[in-house]
Amino acid sequence: MYIINYCSGGLGNRLKPIGSCSLIAKQLNRKLGIYWPSTMRCMGKFKNLFLNPIEEINIDELNSDDVVIYSEPSYIIHDANLNNFFGLLNLYNKIGCLPIEQVENLDISKKYAIVYNNTVLPKYGDIDNFIKSLNPIKKLNDVITNFVKVNKIDKSVIGIHARSTDFTNSNIKSYKQFVDSLLTDSPNIKILFCSDDLEWECQMYYEYPNNIIIREKKDIVKKFDATKSWLNNAHTSELAVQEAIIDMYLLSKTNFLVYNTDSTFAHLVNYLK
């Protein structure tokens, strides 16, 4: 019997609800499973990011008689239209769904309980231990370990994450203002500056070469359609997701002070601290 977390958003919008589902699975003595399709906001497979043995289940292969869904109709319809995946919508059209908050009163007659929500679930928000239990694959861990050693990353280093890709009011000015104020009192302090905008990283490094630490990345999130805004238009390759995971773990080892509070990436960093 399984609790299956349906994951179709970005990395943060996948890992946070999986954390909630892991608590539900433990509480109800069920196996934890995930449906982790490759979507433009998070390409690739879970097993290419983390070593944790969470079973991936293809919901297209499930018998609707064995399934109960906990979600909201609007979520399911929006997901199908956005990602052109219709497995969950097809199941919903056959069996409907129950409100997410009713998952605590799980229908134990069904073998598979699919849970679809893009954030932590009501009453299941204590996911720190789950996030901390995630173990990146070896090649990512090796990069993290080496970068920490070479650049002496610890809590004496200030961590900044500057997200620019889908927050339309973002600009680099506020980050520069913070660094300027910080250097007034601590001119020798080191700052790990991570961003999904390589130009921002380079700009900060060249403006504050004695203080800013940046890391060369092999790929970053890009617009799927360069002529449109970032809204539902972010294309994040598997390599870009891996690079984000490296930044996430590096920032968690710093004194992480500056970030966009709406960023699920920043939420993950804070869970890891």
C-alpha atoms as a PDB file:
ATOM      1  CA  MET A   1       0.000   0.000   0.000  1.00  0.00           C
ATOM      2  CA  TYR A   2       1.440   3.338  -1.066  1.00  0.00           C
ATOM      3  CA  ILE A   3       1.265   7.055  -0.492  1.00  0.00           C
ATOM      4  CA  ILE A   4       2.277   8.452  -3.895  1.00  0.00           C
ATOM      5  CA  ASN A   5       3.322  12.060  -4.142  1.00  0.00           C
ATOM      6  CA  TYR A   6       2.527  13.459  -7.587  1.00  0.00           C
ATOM      7  CA  CYS A   7       5.467  15.753  -8.450  1.00  0.00           C
ATOM      8  CA  SER A   8       5.225  18.025 -11.473  1.00  0.00           C
ATOM      9  CA  GLY A   9       6.490  21.465 -10.384  1.00  0.00           C
ATOM     10  CA  GLY A  10       9.964  22.813  -9.769  1.00  0.00           C
ATOM     11  CA  LEU A  11      12.417  21.196  -7.363  1.00  0.00           C
ATOM     12  CA  GLY A  12      11.108  22.943  -4.251  1.00  0.00           C
ATOM     13  CA  ASN A  13       7.492  22.307  -5.212  1.00  0.00           C
ATOM     14  CA  ARG A  14       8.353  18.611  -5.440  1.00  0.00           C
ATOM     15  CA  LEU A  15      10.525  18.058  -2.395  1.00  0.00           C
ATOM     16  CA  LYS A  16       8.344  19.961   0.065  1.00  0.00           C
ATOM     17  CA  PRO A  17       5.178  17.887  -0.544  1.00  0.00           C
ATOM     18  CA  ILE A  18       7.241  14.674  -0.674  1.00  0.00           C
ATOM     19  CA  GLY A  19       8.394  15.583   2.827  1.00  0.00           C
ATOM     20  CA  SER A  20       4.772  15.807   3.938  1.00  0.00           C
ATOM     21  CA  CYS A  21       3.898  12.530   2.236  1.00  0.00           C
ATOM     22  CA  SER A  22       6.832  10.832   3.958  1.00  0.00           C
ATOM     23  CA  LEU A  23       5.294  11.818   7.311  1.00  0.00           C
ATOM     24  CA  ILE A  24       1.884  10.490   6.256  1.00  0.00           C
ATOM     25  CA  ALA A  25       3.408   7.236   5.013  1.00  0.00           C
ATOM     26  CA  LYS A  26       5.272   6.749   8.278  1.00  0.00           C
ATOM     27  CA  GLN A  27       2.227   7.577  10.381  1.00  0.00           C
ATOM     28  CA  LEU A  28      -0.036   5.205   8.444  1.00  0.00           C
ATOM     29  CA  ASN A  29       2.561   2.480   7.900  1.00  0.00           C
ATOM     30  CA  ARG A  30       2.487   2.811   4.116  1.00  0.00           C
ATOM     31  CA  LYS A  31       5.267   2.814   1.556  1.00  0.00           C
ATOM     32  CA  LEU A  32       6.300   6.162   0.116  1.00  0.00           C
ATOM     33  CA  GLY A  33       6.238   6.433  -3.657  1.00  0.00           C
ATOM     34  CA  ILE A  34       6.583   9.276  -6.118  1.00  0.00           C
ATOM     35  CA  TYR A  35       5.399  10.055  -9.600  1.00  0.00           C
ATOM     36  CA  TRP A  36       8.245  12.255 -10.880  1.00  0.00           C
ATOM     37  CA  PRO A  37       7.730  13.111 -14.551  1.00  0.00           C
ATOM     38  CA  SER A  38      10.190  15.224 -16.479  1.00  0.00           C
ATOM     39  CA  THR A  39       8.551  18.642 -16.913  1.00  0.00           C
ATOM     40  CA  MET A  40      10.085  21.847 -18.215  1.00  0.00           C
ATOM     41  CA  ARG A  41      10.440  23.207 -14.671  1.00  0.00           C
ATOM     42  CA  CYS A  42      12.320  20.130 -13.458  1.00  0.00           C
ATOM     43  CA  MET A  43      13.809  17.823 -16.066  1.00  0.00           C
ATOM     44  CA  GLY A  44      15.341  14.447 -15.349  1.00  0.00           C
ATOM     45  CA  LYS A  45      14.706  11.708 -12.818  1.00  0.00           C
ATOM     46  CA  PHE A  46      14.800  11.658  -9.032  1.00  0.00           C
ATOM     47  CA  LYS A  47      17.426   8.884  -9.102  1.00  0.00           C
ATOM     48  CA  ASN A  48      19.746  11.194 -11.071  1.00  0.00           C
ATOM     49  CA  LEU A  49      19.597  13.732  -8.244  1.00  0.00           C
ATOM     50  CA  PHE A  50      19.410  11.776  -4.990  1.00  0.00           C
ATOM     51  CA  LEU A  51      20.479   8.353  -3.738  1.00  0.00           C
ATOM     52  CA  ASN A  52      17.444   7.886  -1.469  1.00  0.00           C
ATOM     53  CA  PRO A  53      15.581   4.683  -2.455  1.00  0.00           C
ATOM     54  CA  ILE A  54      12.141   6.206  -3.015  1.00  0.00           C
ATOM     55  CA  GLU A  55      10.169   4.128  -5.479  1.00  0.00           C
ATOM     56  CA  GLU A  56       9.029   5.860  -8.652  1.00  0.00           C
ATOM     57  CA  ILE A  57       5.564   4.736  -9.734  1.00  0.00           C
ATOM     58  CA  ASN A  58       3.958   5.326 -13.119  1.00  0.00           C
ATOM     59  CA  ILE A  59       0.372   6.329 -12.383  1.00  0.00           C
ATOM     60  CA  ASP A  60      -0.580   5.672 -16.014  1.00  0.00           C
ATOM     61  CA  GLU A  61      -0.248   1.965 -15.217  1.00  0.00           C
ATOM     62  CA  LEU A  62      -2.527   1.977 -12.148  1.00  0.00           C
ATOM     63  CA  ASN A  63      -6.003   0.478 -12.086  1.00  0.00           C
ATOM     64  CA  SER A  64      -8.445   3.220 -11.104  1.00  0.00           C
ATOM     65  CA  ASP A  65     -10.258   0.763  -8.801  1.00  0.00           C
ATOM     66  CA  ASP A  66      -7.106   0.638  -6.653  1.00  0.00           C
ATOM     67  CA  VAL A  67      -6.666   4.411  -6.393  1.00  0.00           C
ATOM     68  CA  VAL A  68      -7.894   7.320  -4.292  1.00  0.00           C
ATOM     69  CA  ILE A  69      -6.770  10.885  -5.070  1.00  0.00           C
ATOM     70  CA  TYR A  70      -6.285  13.677  -2.536  1.00  0.00           C
ATOM     71  CA  SER A  71      -6.034  17.012  -4.307  1.00  0.00           C
ATOM     72  CA  GLU A  72      -8.132  19.857  -5.696  1.00  0.00           C
ATOM     73  CA  PRO A  73      -9.805  19.673  -9.137  1.00  0.00           C
ATOM     74  CA  SER A  74      -8.316  23.015 -10.176  1.00  0.00           C
ATOM     75  CA  TYR A  75      -4.781  21.758  -9.439  1.00  0.00           C
ATOM     76  CA  ILE A  76      -5.297  18.637 -11.529  1.00  0.00           C
ATOM     77  CA  ILE A  77      -6.803  20.481 -14.490  1.00  0.00           C
ATOM     78  CA  HIS A  78      -4.123  23.189 -14.430  1.00  0.00           C
ATOM     79  CA  ASP A  79      -1.348  20.609 -14.282  1.00  0.00           C
ATOM     80  CA  ALA A  80      -2.715  18.705 -17.287  1.00  0.00           C
ATOM     81  CA  ASN A  81      -3.004  21.894 -19.355  1.00  0.00           C
ATOM     82  CA  LEU A  82       0.429  23.173 -18.352  1.00  0.00           C
ATOM     83  CA  ASN A  83       2.476  19.999 -18.724  1.00  0.00           C
ATOM     84  CA  ASN A  84       0.441  17.991 -21.263  1.00  0.00           C
ATOM     85  CA  PHE A  85       0.371  15.043 -18.871  1.00  0.00           C
ATOM     86  CA  PHE A  86      -3.099  13.578 -18.571  1.00  0.00           C
ATOM     87  CA  GLY A  87      -2.607  10.505 -16.397  1.00  0.00           C
ATOM     88  CA  LEU A  88      -3.826  12.174 -13.216  1.00  0.00           C
ATOM     89  CA  LEU A  89      -6.645  13.985 -15.030  1.00  0.00           C
ATOM     90  CA  ASN A  90      -7.797  10.702 -16.567  1.00  0.00           C
ATOM     91  CA  LEU A  91      -7.907   9.073 -13.136  1.00  0.00           C
ATOM     92  CA  TYR A  92      -9.708  12.093 -11.711  1.00  0.00           C
ATOM     93  CA  ASN A  93     -12.332  11.931 -14.476  1.00  0.00           C
ATOM     94  CA  LYS A  94     -13.016   8.313 -13.483  1.00  0.00           C
ATOM     95  CA  ILE A  95     -12.931   8.469  -9.678  1.00  0.00           C
ATOM     96  CA  GLY A  96     -12.905  12.145  -8.680  1.00  0.00           C
ATOM     97  CA  CYS A  97     -10.793  13.351  -5.776  1.00  0.00           C
ATOM     98  CA  LEU A  98     -11.052  14.086  -2.083  1.00  0.00           C
ATOM     99  CA  PRO A  99      -9.886  17.344  -0.446  1.00  0.00           C
ATOM    100  CA  ILE A 100      -6.210  17.326   0.490  1.00  0.00           C
ATOM    101  CA  GLU A 101      -6.899  17.851   4.188  1.00  0.00           C
ATOM    102  CA  GLN A 102      -8.827  14.564   4.311  1.00  0.00           C
ATOM    103  CA  VAL A 103      -5.656  12.567   3.700  1.00  0.00           C
ATOM    104  CA  GLU A 104      -5.273  12.181   7.460  1.00  0.00           C
ATOM    105  CA  ASN A 105      -8.426  10.037   7.316  1.00  0.00           C
ATOM    106  CA  LEU A 106      -6.976   7.862   4.581  1.00  0.00           C
ATOM    107  CA  ASP A 107      -9.207   5.457   2.673  1.00  0.00           C
ATOM    108  CA  ILE A 108      -7.394   2.248   3.644  1.00  0.00           C
ATOM    109  CA  SER A 109      -9.409   0.156   1.182  1.00  0.00           C
ATOM    110  CA  LYS A 110      -7.308   1.515  -1.704  1.00  0.00           C
ATOM    111  CA  LYS A 111      -3.824   0.278  -2.521  1.00  0.00           C
ATOM    112  CA  TYR A 112      -2.629   3.634  -3.868  1.00  0.00           C
ATOM    113  CA  ALA A 113      -3.311   7.059  -2.401  1.00  0.00           C
ATOM    114  CA  ILE A 114      -2.126   9.778  -4.799  1.00  0.00           C
ATOM    115  CA  VAL A 115      -1.471  13.149  -3.174  1.00  0.00           C
ATOM    116  CA  TYR A 116      -1.033  16.210  -5.369  1.00  0.00           C
ATOM    117  CA  ASN A 117      -0.124  19.550  -3.855  1.00  0.00           C
ATOM    118  CA  ASN A 118       2.810  21.854  -4.629  1.00  0.00           C
ATOM    119  CA  THR A 119       3.726  22.628  -1.040  1.00  0.00           C
ATOM    120  CA  VAL A 120       3.662  21.093   2.420  1.00  0.00           C
ATOM    121  CA  LEU A 121       0.317  19.654   3.494  1.00  0.00           C
ATOM    122  CA  PRO A 122      -1.854  20.891   6.359  1.00  0.00           C
ATOM    123  CA  LYS A 123      -0.736  19.257   9.632  1.00  0.00           C
ATOM    124  CA  TYR A 124       2.299  17.716   7.893  1.00  0.00           C
ATOM    125  CA  GLY A 125       4.681  20.651   7.703  1.00  0.00           C
ATOM    126  CA  ASP A 126       7.480  19.358   9.934  1.00  0.00           C
ATOM    127  CA  ILE A 127       9.639  18.179   7.036  1.00  0.00           C
ATOM    128  CA  ASP A 128      13.087  19.266   8.233  1.00  0.00           C
ATOM    129  CA  ASN A 129      14.228  15.714   8.933  1.00  0.00           C
ATOM    130  CA  PHE A 130      13.117  14.495   5.523  1.00  0.00           C
ATOM    131  CA  ILE A 131      14.913  17.287   3.660  1.00  0.00           C
ATOM    132  CA  LYS A 132      18.035  16.696   5.744  1.00  0.00           C
ATOM    133  CA  SER A 133      17.858  12.971   4.949  1.00  0.00           C
ATOM    134  CA  LEU A 134      18.161  13.593   1.205  1.00  0.00           C
ATOM    135  CA  ASN A 135      21.511  12.405  -0.111  1.00  0.00           C
ATOM    136  CA  PRO A 136      22.694  13.878  -3.414  1.00  0.00           C
ATOM    137  CA  ILE A 137      24.306  11.493  -5.894  1.00  0.00           C
ATOM    138  CA  LYS A 138      28.053  11.015  -5.630  1.00  0.00           C
ATOM    139  CA  LYS A 139      29.125  13.393  -8.400  1.00  0.00           C
ATOM    140  CA  LEU A 140      27.153  16.216  -6.770  1.00  0.00           C
ATOM    141  CA  ASN A 141      28.441  15.377  -3.301  1.00  0.00           C
ATOM    142  CA  ASP A 142      31.997  15.390  -4.633  1.00  0.00           C
ATOM    143  CA  VAL A 143      31.551  18.896  -6.073  1.00  0.00           C
ATOM    144  CA  ILE A 144      30.015  20.136  -2.817  1.00  0.00           C
ATOM    145  CA  THR A 145      32.771  18.629  -0.658  1.00  0.00           C
ATOM    146  CA  ASN A 146      35.583  19.955  -2.839  1.00  0.00           C
ATOM    147  CA  PHE A 147      34.125  23.464  -3.120  1.00  0.00           C
ATOM    148  CA  VAL A 148      33.646  23.679   0.660  1.00  0.00           C
ATOM    149  CA  LYS A 149      37.251  22.624   1.235  1.00  0.00           C
ATOM    150  CA  VAL A 150      38.845  24.903  -1.362  1.00  0.00           C
ATOM    151  CA  ASN A 151      36.791  27.983  -0.475  1.00  0.00           C
ATOM    152  CA  LYS A 152      36.597  27.369   3.287  1.00  0.00           C
ATOM    153  CA  ILE A 153      32.819  27.506   3.339  1.00  0.00           C
ATOM    154  CA  ASP A 154      31.422  27.560   6.874  1.00  0.00           C
ATOM    155  CA  LYS A 155      29.139  29.662   9.065  1.00  0.00           C
ATOM    156  CA  SER A 156      31.610  32.562   8.975  1.00  0.00           C
ATOM    157  CA  VAL A 157      30.710  32.981   5.286  1.00  0.00           C
ATOM    158  CA  ILE A 158      27.539  34.949   4.486  1.00  0.00           C
ATOM    159  CA  GLY A 159      25.187  33.211   2.085  1.00  0.00           C
ATOM    160  CA  ILE A 160      23.101  35.081  -0.504  1.00  0.00           C
ATOM    161  CA  HIS A 161      20.706  33.596  -3.017  1.00  0.00           C
ATOM    162  CA  ALA A 162      19.558  36.052  -5.667  1.00  0.00           C
ATOM    163  CA  ARG A 163      16.645  34.666  -7.623  1.00  0.00           C
ATOM    164  CA  SER A 164      15.822  36.522 -10.804  1.00  0.00           C
ATOM    165  CA  THR A 165      14.018  34.135 -13.108  1.00  0.00           C
ATOM    166  CA  ASP A 166      10.370  34.316 -12.106  1.00  0.00           C
ATOM    167  CA  PHE A 167      10.017  37.191  -9.664  1.00  0.00           C
ATOM    168  CA  THR A 168       9.361  40.144 -11.923  1.00  0.00           C
ATOM    169  CA  ASN A 169      10.348  42.779  -9.383  1.00  0.00           C
ATOM    170  CA  SER A 170      13.762  41.243  -8.729  1.00  0.00           C
ATOM    171  CA  ASN A 171      16.849  43.313  -9.401  1.00  0.00           C
ATOM    172  CA  ILE A 172      20.446  43.186  -8.324  1.00  0.00           C
ATOM    173  CA  LYS A 173      20.440  46.606  -6.656  1.00  0.00           C
ATOM    174  CA  SER A 174      19.115  45.394  -3.297  1.00  0.00           C
ATOM    175  CA  TYR A 175      21.816  42.710  -3.088  1.00  0.00           C
ATOM    176  CA  LYS A 176      24.532  45.277  -3.752  1.00  0.00           C
ATOM    177  CA  GLN A 177      23.097  47.522  -1.062  1.00  0.00           C
ATOM    178  CA  PHE A 178      23.243  44.678   1.436  1.00  0.00           C
ATOM    179  CA  VAL A 179      26.845  43.861   0.550  1.00  0.00           C
ATOM    180  CA  ASP A 180      27.850  47.526   0.782  1.00  0.00           C
ATOM    181  CA  SER A 181      26.344  47.831   4.254  1.00  0.00           C
ATOM    182  CA  LEU A 182      27.956  44.580   5.334  1.00  0.00           C
ATOM    183  CA  LEU A 183      31.420  45.645   4.160  1.00  0.00           C
ATOM    184  CA  THR A 184      31.179  48.900   6.074  1.00  0.00           C
ATOM    185  CA  ASP A 185      31.564  46.998   9.335  1.00  0.00           C
ATOM    186  CA  SER A 186      33.279  43.835   8.060  1.00  0.00           C
ATOM    187  CA  PRO A 187      35.508  44.717   5.088  1.00  0.00           C
ATOM    188  CA  ASN A 188      37.154  41.275   4.958  1.00  0.00           C
ATOM    189  CA  ILE A 189      34.069  39.132   5.197  1.00  0.00           C
ATOM    190  CA  LYS A 190      33.475  36.411   2.609  1.00  0.00           C
ATOM    191  CA  ILE A 191      30.126  36.084   0.842  1.00  0.00           C
ATOM    192  CA  LEU A 192      28.905  33.113  -1.176  1.00  0.00           C
ATOM    193  CA  PHE A 193      26.692  34.604  -3.872  1.00  0.00           C
ATOM    194  CA  CYS A 194      24.493  32.159  -5.778  1.00  0.00           C
ATOM    195  CA  SER A 195      21.957  33.065  -8.413  1.00  0.00           C
ATOM    196  CA  ASP A 196      20.021  31.601 -11.314  1.00  0.00           C
ATOM    197  CA  ASP A 197      21.369  34.538 -13.338  1.00  0.00           C
ATOM    198  CA  LEU A 198      25.026  34.083 -14.341  1.00  0.00           C
ATOM    199  CA  GLU A 199      25.355  37.767 -15.250  1.00  0.00           C
ATOM    200  CA  TRP A 200      24.390  38.694 -11.699  1.00  0.00           C
ATOM    201  CA  GLU A 201      26.998  36.334 -10.293  1.00  0.00           C
ATOM    202  CA  CYS A 202      29.712  37.716 -12.545  1.00  0.00           C
ATOM    203  CA  GLN A 203      28.710  41.300 -11.857  1.00  0.00           C
ATOM    204  CA  MET A 204      28.885  40.790  -8.108  1.00  0.00           C
ATOM    205  CA  TYR A 205      32.216  38.982  -8.332  1.00  0.00           C
ATOM    206  CA  TYR A 206      33.873  41.694 -10.433  1.00  0.00           C
ATOM    207  CA  GLU A 207      32.496  44.469  -8.244  1.00  0.00           C
ATOM    208  CA  TYR A 208      33.571  42.807  -4.968  1.00  0.00           C
ATOM    209  CA  PRO A 209      36.474  40.512  -5.975  1.00  0.00           C
ATOM    210  CA  ASN A 210      37.952  40.335  -2.464  1.00  0.00           C
ATOM    211  CA  ASN A 211      34.708  39.267  -0.846  1.00  0.00           C
ATOM    212  CA  ILE A 212      32.353  37.528  -3.236  1.00  0.00           C
ATOM    213  CA  ILE A 213      32.669  33.800  -3.882  1.00  0.00           C
ATOM    214  CA  ILE A 214      30.891  32.379  -6.928  1.00  0.00           C
ATOM    215  CA  ARG A 215      30.884  28.956  -8.556  1.00  0.00           C
ATOM    216  CA  GLU A 216      31.078  28.202 -12.268  1.00  0.00           C
ATOM    217  CA  LYS A 217      27.943  26.375 -13.429  1.00  0.00           C
ATOM    218  CA  LYS A 218      27.458  24.050 -16.389  1.00  0.00           C
ATOM    219  CA  ASP A 219      23.835  25.036 -16.934  1.00  0.00           C
ATOM    220  CA  ILE A 220      21.110  27.246 -15.494  1.00  0.00           C
ATOM    221  CA  VAL A 221      17.369  27.692 -15.868  1.00  0.00           C
ATOM    222  CA  LYS A 222      16.362  29.315 -19.166  1.00  0.00           C
ATOM    223  CA  LYS A 223      13.175  30.611 -20.724  1.00  0.00           C
ATOM    224  CA  PHE A 224      11.360  27.997 -22.789  1.00  0.00           C
ATOM    225  CA  ASP A 225      10.124  30.819 -25.031  1.00  0.00           C
ATOM    226  CA  ALA A 226      12.551  33.745 -24.999  1.00  0.00           C
ATOM    227  CA  THR A 227       9.841  36.176 -26.144  1.00  0.00           C
ATOM    228  CA  LYS A 228       7.629  35.637 -23.078  1.00  0.00           C
ATOM    229  CA  SER A 229       7.849  36.367 -19.355  1.00  0.00           C
ATOM    230  CA  TRP A 230       9.071  33.797 -16.836  1.00  0.00           C
ATOM    231  CA  LEU A 231       5.519  32.887 -15.787  1.00  0.00           C
ATOM    232  CA  ASN A 232       5.089  29.162 -16.510  1.00  0.00           C
ATOM    233  CA  ASN A 233       7.956  29.529 -18.965  1.00  0.00           C
ATOM    234  CA  ALA A 234      11.013  28.290 -17.067  1.00  0.00           C
ATOM    235  CA  HIS A 235      12.952  25.434 -18.645  1.00  0.00           C
ATOM    236  CA  THR A 236      15.255  23.694 -16.165  1.00  0.00           C
ATOM    237  CA  SER A 237      17.327  20.862 -17.597  1.00  0.00           C
ATOM    238  CA  GLU A 238      18.446  17.955 -15.436  1.00  0.00           C
ATOM    239  CA  LEU A 239      21.939  19.443 -15.402  1.00  0.00           C
ATOM    240  CA  ALA A 240      20.537  22.807 -14.257  1.00  0.00           C
ATOM    241  CA  VAL A 241      18.611  21.043 -11.474  1.00  0.00           C
ATOM    242  CA  GLN A 242      21.826  19.327 -10.389  1.00  0.00           C
ATOM    243  CA  GLU A 243      23.616  22.678 -10.326  1.00  0.00           C
ATOM    244  CA  ALA A 244      20.822  24.112  -8.179  1.00  0.00           C
ATOM    245  CA  ILE A 245      21.174  21.230  -5.728  1.00  0.00           C
ATOM    246  CA  ILE A 246      24.894  21.941  -5.403  1.00  0.00           C
ATOM    247  CA  ASP A 247      24.168  25.616  -4.656  1.00  0.00           C
ATOM    248  CA  MET A 248      21.458  24.590  -2.189  1.00  0.00           C
ATOM    249  CA  TYR A 249      23.808  22.456  -0.109  1.00  0.00           C
ATOM    250  CA  LEU A 250      26.622  24.991  -0.266  1.00  0.00           C
ATOM    251  CA  LEU A 251      24.372  27.816   0.942  1.00  0.00           C
ATOM    252  CA  SER A 252      23.100  25.640   3.794  1.00  0.00           C
ATOM    253  CA  LYS A 253      26.659  25.513   5.150  1.00  0.00           C
ATOM    254  CA  THR A 254      26.902  29.323   5.269  1.00  0.00           C
ATOM    255  CA  ASN A 255      25.261  31.952   7.431  1.00  0.00           C
ATOM    256  CA  PHE A 256      22.356  32.175   4.965  1.00  0.00           C
ATOM    257  CA  LEU A 257      20.962  35.671   5.367  1.00  0.00           C
ATOM    258  CA  VAL A 258      19.652  37.099   2.098  1.00  0.00           C
ATOM    259  CA  TYR A 259      17.078  35.518  -0.204  1.00  0.00           C
ATOM    260  CA  ASN A 260      13.614  35.980  -1.653  1.00  0.00           C
ATOM    261  CA  THR A 261      11.196  34.708   0.969  1.00  0.00           C
ATOM    262  CA  ASP A 262       8.834  33.449  -1.752  1.00  0.00           C
ATOM    263  CA  SER A 263      11.514  31.205  -3.234  1.00  0.00           C
ATOM    264  CA  THR A 264      11.014  27.492  -2.552  1.00  0.00           C
ATOM    265  CA  PHE A 265      14.736  27.059  -3.265  1.00  0.00           C
ATOM    266  CA  ALA A 266      15.486  29.303  -0.281  1.00  0.00           C
ATOM    267  CA  HIS A 267      13.001  27.325   1.808  1.00  0.00           C
ATOM    268  CA  LEU A 268      14.970  24.142   1.047  1.00  0.00           C
ATOM    269  CA  VAL A 269      18.230  25.808   2.081  1.00  0.00           C
ATOM    270  CA  ASN A 270      16.677  26.811   5.392  1.00  0.00           C
ATOM    271  CA  TYR A 271      15.400  23.273   5.994  1.00  0.00           C
ATOM    272  CA  LEU A 272      18.961  21.995   5.509  1.00  0.00           C
ATOM    273  CA  LYS A 273      20.591  24.487   7.889  1.00  0.00           C
END
